[in-house]
Amino acid sequence: MSARPAATATASAAAESADPCCAAPLPVLGRDVTVPLVTGGEVTYAALDYAASAPALQRVWDDVAAYAPYYGSVHRGAGYLSQLSTDLFENSRVTVAEFLDCRPGDQVVFTRSTTDSLNLLAQVIPAGCEVFVFETEHHASLLPWRDARVTYLNAPRTPQQAVETLERALADRDPYGPALVCVTGASNVTGELWPVKELTAAAHAHGARIVLDAAQLAPHHPVSVRELDVDWIAFSGHKLYAPFGSGVLAGRADWLQESEPYLAGGGASKKVARRADGGVDVEWHTTAARHEAGSPNVIGVYSIASACKALTEAGFDSLVERERHLIAKVRAGLAEVPEVRVLSLFGDDAPRVGVISFVVDGWNSSHFAAALSAEYGIGVRDGLFCAHPLVRTLLGSDPQDPGECGAPEAEPGERSLNAIRVSFGAGTPDEHVDRFVRAVRELVTQGAKWQYRTESGRCVPAV
């Protein structure tokens, strides 16, 4: 058993690309799954909800399956399987650091998710640190800072306005003490790329640090900690085609080393001894292990490393080119339907990843999403996408208007405060987006073929 089991290639993948100018989609687990249609028959499932959770790359699944029989406890056993698993775990840390182009001295801490990573960082910021975050952020970035003073910045309408807004807020902070900026690399609602390098320069010019939420960026574009000069970066395995329960926080070591461990327990402690007075003295690790208490999720960590290698070997240039091809298809198709309004902060020409949200005149968004699933076998997301303030801003609603993420209060056919999101990535074939565009056009022009009702807060077929 080697440190990285061999991956299985899928020769038929090349046939899945309908456009000769673009690379074939990467093979993903579940690409041949069929689902029943409420109107009768079955169809291959079109997974177009990558922004919520991406399917596992076949390469990742094969690597995990090859390792699974050799699973052993990490950092704790003298046996062969434990030693192998420890090597696999620590080599995965090196792989992730290389994937992110980390600086010498940066630490890679394994967590459960982006949310967990940012909550960890929230626990280690120094006393008196003020956090600056745009209202456009996902709740994972918006909410963890409960013990800090937080300044929420209004949604910008251009990348330049984002930089200027941040610069003013940082310059005007009082007291002028430690500060942290939290910003997304790509919006989980609009897919638009944020000016991370410029925001980082602004933060550093005003004595602040910055953490990049790369949950929606890392699966689509190369990310270099060194080039962007961000202080930390966070992302989730389940959005990087490695849905096995692990995430990453990578970056500067000082705040991590100077704080109490995120979790106290075995693995985080280097030495524990009783004192003469009956108490306990603890010496904590100064490495990433300080914040990795408990038995590590070695399979989740290894799956992230496998995904990092698979994406790097596939080449981001070709992956980005293919994704732009799919984005153009979807946007052109939606533009042909006058009733569809695509949501955007920075405008139609803004660079973006494969995440597009929209509303349809005369439709409850959850009704529309339910019809896409039940009648066409297409999986999208509806709701407020765990970015309530941003979606409310984009829809022009009052902050007190009723609306709930994924649980509409309106009946099918009535307007509600939510939207529809289609998202795709390295494993998406052309047929899925072609079917989606055709389904949108048919639903708008012909209506749903089935009746729907609300059940437990979800719009479902009335059977």
Protein backbone atom coordinates (compact mmCIF):
# COMPACT_ATOMS: atom_id res chain seq x y z
CA MET A 1 0.00 0.00 0.00
CA SER A 2 1.62 3.25 -1.14
CA ALA A 3 0.96 6.71 0.32
CA ARG A 4 -1.27 7.50 -2.66
CA PRO A 5 -3.24 4.59 -4.17
CA ALA A 6 -3.45 4.58 -7.94
CA ALA A 7 -6.50 6.24 -9.47
CA THR A 8 -8.75 4.60 -12.04
CA ALA A 9 -9.04 6.34 -15.39
CA THR A 10 -12.33 6.45 -17.27
CA ALA A 11 -11.71 6.32 -21.00
CA SER A 12 -15.29 7.12 -21.97
CA ALA A 13 -15.13 10.60 -20.41
CA ALA A 14 -13.86 12.16 -23.63
CA ALA A 15 -17.10 11.29 -25.38
CA GLU A 16 -19.07 13.41 -22.93
CA SER A 17 -17.80 16.74 -24.27
CA ALA A 18 -20.05 18.11 -26.98
CA ASP A 19 -17.72 20.95 -27.91
CA PRO A 20 -14.32 20.09 -29.46
CA CYS A 21 -12.81 23.34 -28.17
CA CYS A 22 -13.26 22.26 -24.58
CA ALA A 23 -11.88 19.45 -22.46
CA ALA A 24 -14.16 16.60 -21.46
CA PRO A 25 -15.83 16.82 -18.05
CA LEU A 26 -13.97 15.01 -15.31
CA PRO A 27 -15.59 11.70 -14.33
CA VAL A 28 -17.65 12.04 -11.16
CA LEU A 29 -19.41 9.52 -9.00
CA GLY A 30 -23.12 9.21 -9.80
CA ARG A 31 -22.86 10.46 -13.36
CA ASP A 32 -24.98 7.52 -14.58
CA VAL A 33 -27.62 7.60 -11.83
CA THR A 34 -31.19 7.65 -13.13
CA VAL A 35 -34.15 9.17 -11.31
CA PRO A 36 -37.91 8.76 -11.83
CA LEU A 37 -40.00 11.51 -13.41
CA VAL A 38 -43.41 12.31 -12.03
CA THR A 39 -44.74 12.28 -15.59
CA GLY A 40 -43.45 8.74 -16.13
CA GLY A 41 -40.18 7.09 -17.05
CA GLU A 42 -36.65 7.78 -15.86
CA VAL A 43 -33.84 10.09 -16.87
CA THR A 44 -30.16 10.47 -16.02
CA TYR A 45 -29.96 12.86 -13.08
CA ALA A 46 -28.59 16.30 -13.93
CA ALA A 47 -26.75 17.44 -10.81
CA LEU A 48 -26.70 21.22 -11.10
CA ASP A 49 -26.23 22.09 -7.43
CA TYR A 50 -22.44 22.03 -7.25
CA ALA A 51 -22.38 25.22 -5.18
CA ALA A 52 -24.10 23.38 -2.33
CA SER A 53 -22.10 20.17 -2.59
CA ALA A 54 -20.22 18.77 -5.56
CA PRO A 55 -20.19 15.08 -6.43
CA ALA A 56 -17.06 13.13 -5.66
CA LEU A 57 -14.57 12.88 -8.46
CA GLN A 58 -14.27 9.27 -9.60
CA ARG A 59 -10.52 9.63 -8.98
CA VAL A 60 -11.19 10.65 -5.37
CA TRP A 61 -13.59 7.77 -4.81
CA ASP A 62 -11.12 5.28 -6.28
CA ASP A 63 -8.29 6.60 -4.13
CA VAL A 64 -10.40 6.47 -0.96
CA ALA A 65 -11.64 2.95 -1.78
CA ALA A 66 -8.07 1.78 -2.36
CA TYR A 67 -6.95 3.19 0.98
CA ALA A 68 -9.97 2.18 3.10
CA PRO A 69 -8.78 -1.41 3.87
CA TYR A 70 -5.55 0.07 5.23
CA TYR A 71 -7.27 2.54 7.57
CA GLY A 72 -5.66 2.95 10.98
CA SER A 73 -5.54 5.46 13.82
CA VAL A 74 -3.47 8.56 13.07
CA HIS A 75 -0.55 9.66 15.31
CA ARG A 76 -1.40 7.04 17.91
CA GLY A 77 -0.40 3.56 16.81
CA ALA A 78 2.82 1.62 16.42
CA GLY A 79 1.29 -0.82 13.94
CA TYR A 80 1.85 -0.75 10.21
CA LEU A 81 -1.63 0.54 9.32
CA SER A 82 -1.40 3.33 11.86
CA GLN A 83 2.01 4.35 10.55
CA LEU A 84 0.77 4.25 6.97
CA SER A 85 -2.33 6.29 7.86
CA THR A 86 -0.21 8.85 9.70
CA ASP A 87 2.05 9.23 6.67
CA LEU A 88 -1.00 9.56 4.42
CA PHE A 89 -2.49 12.21 6.72
CA GLU A 90 0.67 14.31 6.94
CA ASN A 91 1.47 13.93 3.24
CA SER A 92 -2.04 15.20 2.54
CA ARG A 93 -1.17 18.33 4.51
CA VAL A 94 1.82 18.87 2.23
CA THR A 95 -0.34 18.31 -0.87
CA VAL A 96 -2.90 20.88 0.26
CA ALA A 97 -0.15 23.41 1.04
CA GLU A 98 1.24 22.93 -2.47
CA PHE A 99 -2.24 23.20 -4.02
CA LEU A 100 -2.76 26.53 -2.24
CA ASP A 101 0.81 27.73 -2.88
CA CYS A 102 1.28 28.46 0.81
CA ARG A 103 4.24 30.43 2.15
CA PRO A 104 7.02 28.89 4.24
CA GLY A 105 5.81 28.83 7.82
CA ASP A 106 2.10 28.76 6.96
CA GLN A 107 0.07 26.11 8.74
CA VAL A 108 -2.55 23.85 7.18
CA VAL A 109 -5.18 22.94 9.76
CA PHE A 110 -7.75 20.30 8.91
CA THR A 111 -11.30 21.07 10.01
CA ARG A 112 -14.80 19.83 9.16
CA SER A 113 -15.75 22.53 6.64
CA THR A 114 -15.42 26.19 5.67
CA THR A 115 -17.87 27.04 8.45
CA ASP A 116 -15.75 25.15 10.96
CA SER A 117 -12.57 26.81 9.67
CA LEU A 118 -13.94 30.32 10.08
CA ASN A 119 -15.35 29.52 13.51
CA LEU A 120 -11.89 28.29 14.46
CA LEU A 121 -10.34 31.56 13.26
CA ALA A 122 -13.00 33.51 15.16
CA GLN A 123 -11.81 31.82 18.35
CA VAL A 124 -8.14 32.75 17.88
CA ILE A 125 -8.34 36.44 16.93
CA PRO A 126 -6.65 38.66 19.52
CA ALA A 127 -8.57 40.64 22.10
CA GLY A 128 -9.93 43.91 20.76
CA CYS A 129 -9.81 42.76 17.14
CA GLU A 130 -12.48 44.33 14.94
CA VAL A 131 -13.87 42.23 12.09
CA PHE A 132 -14.98 43.73 8.78
CA VAL A 133 -17.32 41.73 6.57
CA PHE A 134 -19.55 42.62 3.64
CA GLU A 135 -23.26 41.84 3.92
CA THR A 136 -22.82 39.86 0.70
CA GLU A 137 -21.07 36.98 2.48
CA HIS A 138 -22.33 33.46 3.04
CA HIS A 139 -23.46 32.91 6.62
CA ALA A 140 -20.30 30.86 7.21
CA SER A 141 -18.36 34.12 6.85
CA LEU A 142 -21.00 36.46 8.20
CA LEU A 143 -21.85 34.86 11.53
CA PRO A 144 -18.87 33.28 13.36
CA TRP A 145 -17.57 36.51 14.89
CA ARG A 146 -19.84 36.49 17.95
CA ASP A 147 -17.21 37.52 20.47
CA ALA A 148 -15.73 40.31 18.36
CA ARG A 149 -16.78 43.79 17.37
CA VAL A 150 -18.08 43.46 13.82
CA THR A 151 -18.58 46.11 11.16
CA TYR A 152 -20.93 44.98 8.41
CA LEU A 153 -20.32 46.69 5.08
CA ASN A 154 -23.04 47.37 2.52
CA ALA A 155 -23.12 45.45 -0.73
CA PRO A 156 -20.90 47.11 -3.35
CA ARG A 157 -22.05 47.38 -6.95
CA THR A 158 -18.58 47.28 -8.53
CA PRO A 159 -15.30 45.65 -7.53
CA GLN A 160 -13.75 49.11 -7.21
CA GLN A 161 -16.54 50.18 -4.87
CA ALA A 162 -15.81 47.13 -2.73
CA VAL A 163 -12.18 48.20 -2.35
CA GLU A 164 -13.09 51.83 -1.63
CA THR A 165 -15.73 50.83 0.92
CA LEU A 166 -13.26 48.65 2.78
CA GLU A 167 -10.53 51.29 2.71
CA ARG A 168 -12.84 53.91 4.25
CA ALA A 169 -14.07 51.55 6.95
CA LEU A 170 -10.57 50.46 7.94
CA ALA A 171 -9.22 54.01 7.96
CA ASP A 172 -12.10 55.22 10.15
CA ARG A 173 -11.97 52.43 12.75
CA ASP A 174 -11.74 53.61 16.31
CA PRO A 175 -9.75 52.49 18.16
CA TYR A 176 -7.20 51.82 15.44
CA GLY A 177 -6.31 48.37 16.73
CA PRO A 178 -6.06 44.86 15.32
CA ALA A 179 -8.50 44.13 12.52
CA LEU A 180 -9.54 41.21 10.36
CA VAL A 181 -11.32 41.32 6.99
CA CYS A 182 -13.33 38.32 5.86
CA VAL A 183 -14.21 38.14 2.16
CA THR A 184 -15.36 35.59 -0.36
CA GLY A 185 -13.42 34.77 -3.49
CA ALA A 186 -16.53 33.98 -5.53
CA SER A 187 -20.12 34.61 -4.52
CA ASN A 188 -22.21 31.55 -3.73
CA VAL A 189 -25.24 33.46 -5.07
CA THR A 190 -24.06 35.24 -8.22
CA GLY A 191 -20.81 33.39 -8.93
CA GLU A 192 -19.05 36.73 -9.43
CA LEU A 193 -15.34 36.92 -8.63
CA TRP A 194 -14.31 39.40 -5.97
CA PRO A 195 -11.16 41.58 -6.21
CA VAL A 196 -9.30 39.60 -3.57
CA LYS A 197 -5.81 40.85 -4.36
CA GLU A 198 -6.91 44.50 -4.24
CA LEU A 199 -8.90 43.97 -1.03
CA THR A 200 -5.88 42.28 0.52
CA ALA A 201 -3.66 45.21 -0.39
CA ALA A 202 -6.19 47.61 1.13
CA ALA A 203 -6.39 45.56 4.32
CA HIS A 204 -2.63 45.35 4.75
CA ALA A 205 -2.19 49.05 3.98
CA HIS A 206 -4.42 49.79 6.98
CA GLY A 207 -2.80 47.30 9.35
CA ALA A 208 -5.49 44.64 9.00
CA ARG A 209 -5.34 40.97 8.17
CA ILE A 210 -7.62 39.15 5.76
CA VAL A 211 -9.13 35.68 5.47
CA LEU A 212 -10.39 34.40 2.14
CA ASP A 213 -13.49 32.22 1.99
CA ALA A 214 -12.53 30.13 -1.02
CA ALA A 215 -15.36 27.60 -0.78
CA GLN A 216 -16.73 28.65 -4.18
CA LEU A 217 -13.39 29.70 -5.68
CA ALA A 218 -11.02 26.78 -5.10
CA PRO A 219 -13.10 24.22 -7.06
CA HIS A 220 -13.13 26.48 -10.13
CA HIS A 221 -9.91 28.50 -10.24
CA PRO A 222 -6.32 28.11 -9.04
CA VAL A 223 -5.77 29.85 -5.71
CA SER A 224 -2.34 31.06 -4.59
CA VAL A 225 -2.00 32.22 -1.00
CA ARG A 226 1.40 33.60 -1.91
CA GLU A 227 0.22 35.59 -4.94
CA LEU A 228 -2.98 36.90 -3.36
CA ASP A 229 -1.05 37.60 -0.13
CA VAL A 230 -4.06 36.67 2.00
CA ASP A 231 -3.33 35.81 5.61
CA TRP A 232 -5.63 32.79 5.72
CA ILE A 233 -7.78 30.78 3.38
CA ALA A 234 -10.70 28.48 4.17
CA PHE A 235 -12.51 25.94 2.01
CA SER A 236 -14.52 22.72 2.22
CA GLY A 237 -13.80 19.31 0.79
CA HIS A 238 -17.41 18.68 -0.16
CA LYS A 239 -17.34 21.58 -2.62
CA LEU A 240 -13.96 20.43 -3.99
CA TYR A 241 -15.30 17.05 -5.18
CA ALA A 242 -14.28 15.38 -1.91
CA PRO A 243 -17.49 15.06 0.16
CA PHE A 244 -16.09 13.15 3.12
CA GLY A 245 -16.47 15.62 5.97
CA SER A 246 -13.24 17.62 6.02
CA GLY A 247 -12.22 21.22 5.40
CA VAL A 248 -9.13 23.40 5.55
CA LEU A 249 -7.91 26.54 7.26
CA ALA A 250 -4.47 27.49 5.97
CA GLY A 251 -2.29 30.51 6.61
CA ARG A 252 -0.23 32.41 9.14
CA ALA A 253 0.75 30.51 12.26
CA ASP A 254 1.10 33.25 14.87
CA TRP A 255 -2.53 33.79 15.90
CA LEU A 256 -3.08 30.04 15.78
CA GLN A 257 -0.08 29.36 18.01
CA GLU A 258 -0.83 32.12 20.51
CA SER A 259 -4.44 31.15 21.21
CA GLU A 260 -6.03 28.44 23.27
CA PRO A 261 -6.84 25.31 21.22
CA TYR A 262 -10.13 25.40 19.31
CA LEU A 263 -10.96 22.06 20.94
CA ALA A 264 -9.23 20.67 24.02
CA GLY A 265 -8.31 17.01 24.07
CA GLY A 266 -6.00 14.33 22.82
CA GLY A 267 -3.90 15.21 19.82
CA ALA A 268 -3.85 18.92 20.67
CA SER A 269 -1.90 18.34 23.88
CA LYS A 270 1.84 17.70 23.88
CA LYS A 271 2.25 17.05 27.60
CA VAL A 272 -0.22 16.76 30.49
CA ALA A 273 0.94 16.45 34.11
CA ARG A 274 -0.57 16.67 37.56
CA ARG A 275 0.51 19.54 39.78
CA ALA A 276 1.33 19.32 43.47
CA ASP A 277 -1.89 21.20 44.25
CA GLY A 278 -3.89 18.53 42.46
CA GLY A 279 -4.53 20.45 39.27
CA VAL A 280 -3.32 19.74 35.75
CA ASP A 281 -0.67 21.48 33.67
CA VAL A 282 -1.00 21.23 29.89
CA GLU A 283 1.56 21.97 27.21
CA TRP A 284 -0.21 22.38 23.87
CA HIS A 285 1.29 21.67 20.48
CA THR A 286 2.43 24.70 18.48
CA THR A 287 1.90 22.90 15.16
CA ALA A 288 -1.43 22.55 13.32
CA ALA A 289 -2.22 19.68 15.72
CA ARG A 290 -2.97 22.34 18.36
CA HIS A 291 -6.37 22.84 16.71
CA GLU A 292 -6.99 19.25 15.58
CA ALA A 293 -7.96 17.58 18.85
CA GLY A 294 -9.55 14.15 18.63
CA SER A 295 -9.09 11.35 16.12
CA PRO A 296 -8.57 12.96 12.71
CA ASN A 297 -10.81 12.24 9.75
CA VAL A 298 -8.00 10.74 7.71
CA ILE A 299 -10.32 9.60 4.91
CA GLY A 300 -11.78 13.10 4.59
CA VAL A 301 -8.33 14.66 4.61
CA TYR A 302 -6.96 12.18 2.09
CA SER A 303 -9.94 12.79 -0.20
CA ILE A 304 -9.16 16.53 -0.24
CA ALA A 305 -5.55 15.80 -1.14
CA SER A 306 -6.70 13.44 -3.89
CA ALA A 307 -9.02 16.13 -5.30
CA CYS A 308 -6.22 18.72 -5.18
CA LYS A 309 -3.99 16.41 -7.21
CA ALA A 310 -6.74 15.51 -9.66
CA LEU A 311 -7.62 19.14 -10.39
CA THR A 312 -3.96 20.12 -10.69
CA GLU A 313 -3.23 17.26 -13.08
CA ALA A 314 -6.33 18.03 -15.15
CA GLY A 315 -5.06 21.61 -15.50
CA PHE A 316 -7.02 24.63 -14.37
CA ASP A 317 -6.59 26.32 -17.74
CA SER A 318 -8.68 23.67 -19.46
CA LEU A 319 -11.13 23.42 -16.54
CA VAL A 320 -11.72 27.18 -16.58
CA GLU A 321 -12.12 27.19 -20.36
CA ARG A 322 -14.74 24.45 -20.19
CA GLU A 323 -16.60 26.18 -17.39
CA ARG A 324 -16.73 29.45 -19.33
CA HIS A 325 -18.23 27.48 -22.20
CA LEU A 326 -20.98 26.15 -19.88
CA ILE A 327 -21.56 29.57 -18.30
CA ALA A 328 -22.02 31.12 -21.75
CA LYS A 329 -24.53 28.42 -22.67
CA VAL A 330 -26.61 28.92 -19.56
CA ARG A 331 -26.55 32.70 -19.65
CA ALA A 332 -27.41 32.80 -23.36
CA GLY A 333 -30.29 30.40 -22.81
CA LEU A 334 -31.70 32.33 -19.86
CA ALA A 335 -31.35 35.61 -21.78
CA GLU A 336 -33.77 34.26 -24.38
CA VAL A 337 -36.54 33.98 -21.78
CA PRO A 338 -37.84 37.49 -20.99
CA GLU A 339 -39.49 36.35 -17.76
CA VAL A 340 -36.13 35.36 -16.26
CA ARG A 341 -34.07 37.86 -14.28
CA VAL A 342 -30.51 36.85 -13.43
CA LEU A 343 -29.21 38.24 -10.14
CA SER A 344 -25.94 40.16 -10.20
CA LEU A 345 -23.94 42.62 -8.12
CA PHE A 346 -21.27 43.65 -10.60
CA GLY A 347 -23.13 43.40 -13.91
CA ASP A 348 -23.33 41.03 -16.86
CA ASP A 349 -19.70 41.41 -17.87
CA ALA A 350 -18.23 40.53 -14.48
CA PRO A 351 -16.01 37.44 -14.44
CA ARG A 352 -17.64 34.57 -12.60
CA VAL A 353 -17.61 30.87 -11.78
CA GLY A 354 -20.37 28.42 -12.63
CA VAL A 355 -22.94 29.73 -10.15
CA ILE A 356 -26.00 31.59 -11.47
CA SER A 357 -29.09 32.64 -9.52
CA PHE A 358 -32.31 33.95 -11.02
CA VAL A 359 -36.00 34.53 -10.51
CA VAL A 360 -38.88 33.96 -12.91
CA ASP A 361 -41.78 36.39 -13.19
CA GLY A 362 -45.04 34.80 -12.10
CA TRP A 363 -43.37 31.84 -10.41
CA ASN A 364 -42.65 30.89 -6.85
CA SER A 365 -38.97 29.90 -7.04
CA SER A 366 -39.50 26.75 -5.01
CA HIS A 367 -42.35 25.70 -7.31
CA PHE A 368 -40.07 26.22 -10.29
CA ALA A 369 -37.22 24.22 -8.72
CA ALA A 370 -39.62 21.42 -7.78
CA ALA A 371 -40.86 21.19 -11.38
CA LEU A 372 -37.29 21.07 -12.70
CA SER A 373 -36.66 18.10 -10.45
CA ALA A 374 -39.93 16.20 -10.78
CA GLU A 375 -40.51 16.70 -14.52
CA TYR A 376 -36.95 16.95 -15.90
CA GLY A 377 -34.67 15.18 -13.42
CA ILE A 378 -32.67 18.36 -12.77
CA GLY A 379 -31.38 19.18 -9.30
CA VAL A 380 -30.96 22.89 -8.50
CA ARG A 381 -31.22 24.92 -5.31
CA ASP A 382 -33.97 27.32 -4.28
CA GLY A 383 -34.17 29.68 -1.32
CA LEU A 384 -31.85 32.34 0.05
CA PHE A 385 -28.71 30.17 -0.20
CA CYS A 386 -27.49 30.86 3.36
CA ALA A 387 -26.77 34.40 2.20
CA HIS A 388 -30.01 36.06 3.29
CA PRO A 389 -28.85 39.71 3.34
CA LEU A 390 -27.34 39.44 -0.15
CA VAL A 391 -30.36 37.78 -1.76
CA ARG A 392 -32.69 40.29 -0.10
CA THR A 393 -30.54 43.12 -1.49
CA LEU A 394 -30.52 41.62 -4.98
CA LEU A 395 -34.30 41.13 -4.90
CA GLY A 396 -34.83 44.67 -3.63
CA SER A 397 -36.79 43.48 -0.61
CA ASP A 398 -37.27 45.04 2.78
CA PRO A 399 -35.16 43.30 5.45
CA GLN A 400 -38.36 42.41 7.29
CA ASP A 401 -40.12 40.85 4.31
CA PRO A 402 -41.02 37.21 4.96
CA GLY A 403 -38.74 34.69 3.39
CA GLU A 404 -36.86 31.63 4.50
CA CYS A 405 -33.96 29.69 3.05
CA GLY A 406 -35.39 26.62 1.40
CA ALA A 407 -38.77 26.88 3.14
CA PRO A 408 -41.08 29.24 1.21
CA GLU A 409 -44.18 30.55 2.91
CA ALA A 410 -46.02 31.20 -0.35
CA GLU A 411 -48.07 28.59 -2.16
CA PRO A 412 -46.99 27.28 -5.59
CA GLY A 413 -47.60 29.97 -8.19
CA GLU A 414 -47.37 32.84 -5.71
CA ARG A 415 -44.38 35.15 -5.53
CA SER A 416 -42.04 34.48 -2.62
CA LEU A 417 -38.81 35.94 -1.31
CA ASN A 418 -36.41 33.37 -2.70
CA ALA A 419 -34.54 32.56 -5.89
CA ILE A 420 -33.32 29.63 -7.98
CA ARG A 421 -29.64 28.75 -8.28
CA VAL A 422 -28.04 26.60 -10.94
CA SER A 423 -24.40 25.65 -10.43
CA PHE A 424 -21.97 23.36 -12.18
CA GLY A 425 -18.31 22.51 -12.45
CA ALA A 426 -15.63 20.15 -13.66
CA GLY A 427 -17.94 17.13 -13.87
CA THR A 428 -20.86 18.72 -15.70
CA PRO A 429 -21.59 17.44 -19.23
CA ASP A 430 -23.12 19.70 -21.89
CA GLU A 431 -26.32 17.67 -21.91
CA HIS A 432 -27.13 18.70 -18.34
CA VAL A 433 -27.01 22.43 -19.06
CA ASP A 434 -28.77 21.95 -22.41
CA ARG A 435 -31.59 20.11 -20.65
CA PHE A 436 -31.75 22.82 -17.99
CA VAL A 437 -32.07 25.63 -20.53
CA ARG A 438 -34.72 23.72 -22.45
CA ALA A 439 -36.64 22.97 -19.24
CA VAL A 440 -36.64 26.63 -18.18
CA ARG A 441 -37.97 27.66 -21.56
CA GLU A 442 -40.71 24.99 -21.52
CA LEU A 443 -41.84 25.71 -17.96
CA VAL A 444 -42.12 29.44 -18.65
CA THR A 445 -43.92 29.08 -21.98
CA GLN A 446 -46.02 25.96 -21.31
CA GLY A 447 -46.31 25.79 -17.54
CA ALA A 448 -45.79 22.79 -15.29
CA LYS A 449 -47.28 19.47 -16.36
CA TRP A 450 -48.08 18.48 -12.79
CA GLN A 451 -49.78 19.93 -9.75
CA TYR A 452 -47.68 20.83 -6.70
CA ARG A 453 -48.35 21.48 -3.02
CA THR A 454 -46.40 22.67 0.00
CA GLU A 455 -45.44 19.97 2.49
CA SER A 456 -43.25 20.54 5.53
CA GLY A 457 -42.05 23.79 4.04
CA ARG A 458 -41.12 22.26 0.68
CA CYS A 459 -42.87 22.40 -2.68
CA VAL A 460 -43.51 18.83 -3.81
CA PRO A 461 -45.59 17.07 -6.50
CA ALA A 462 -49.19 16.49 -5.49
CA VAL A 463 -49.64 12.74 -5.87
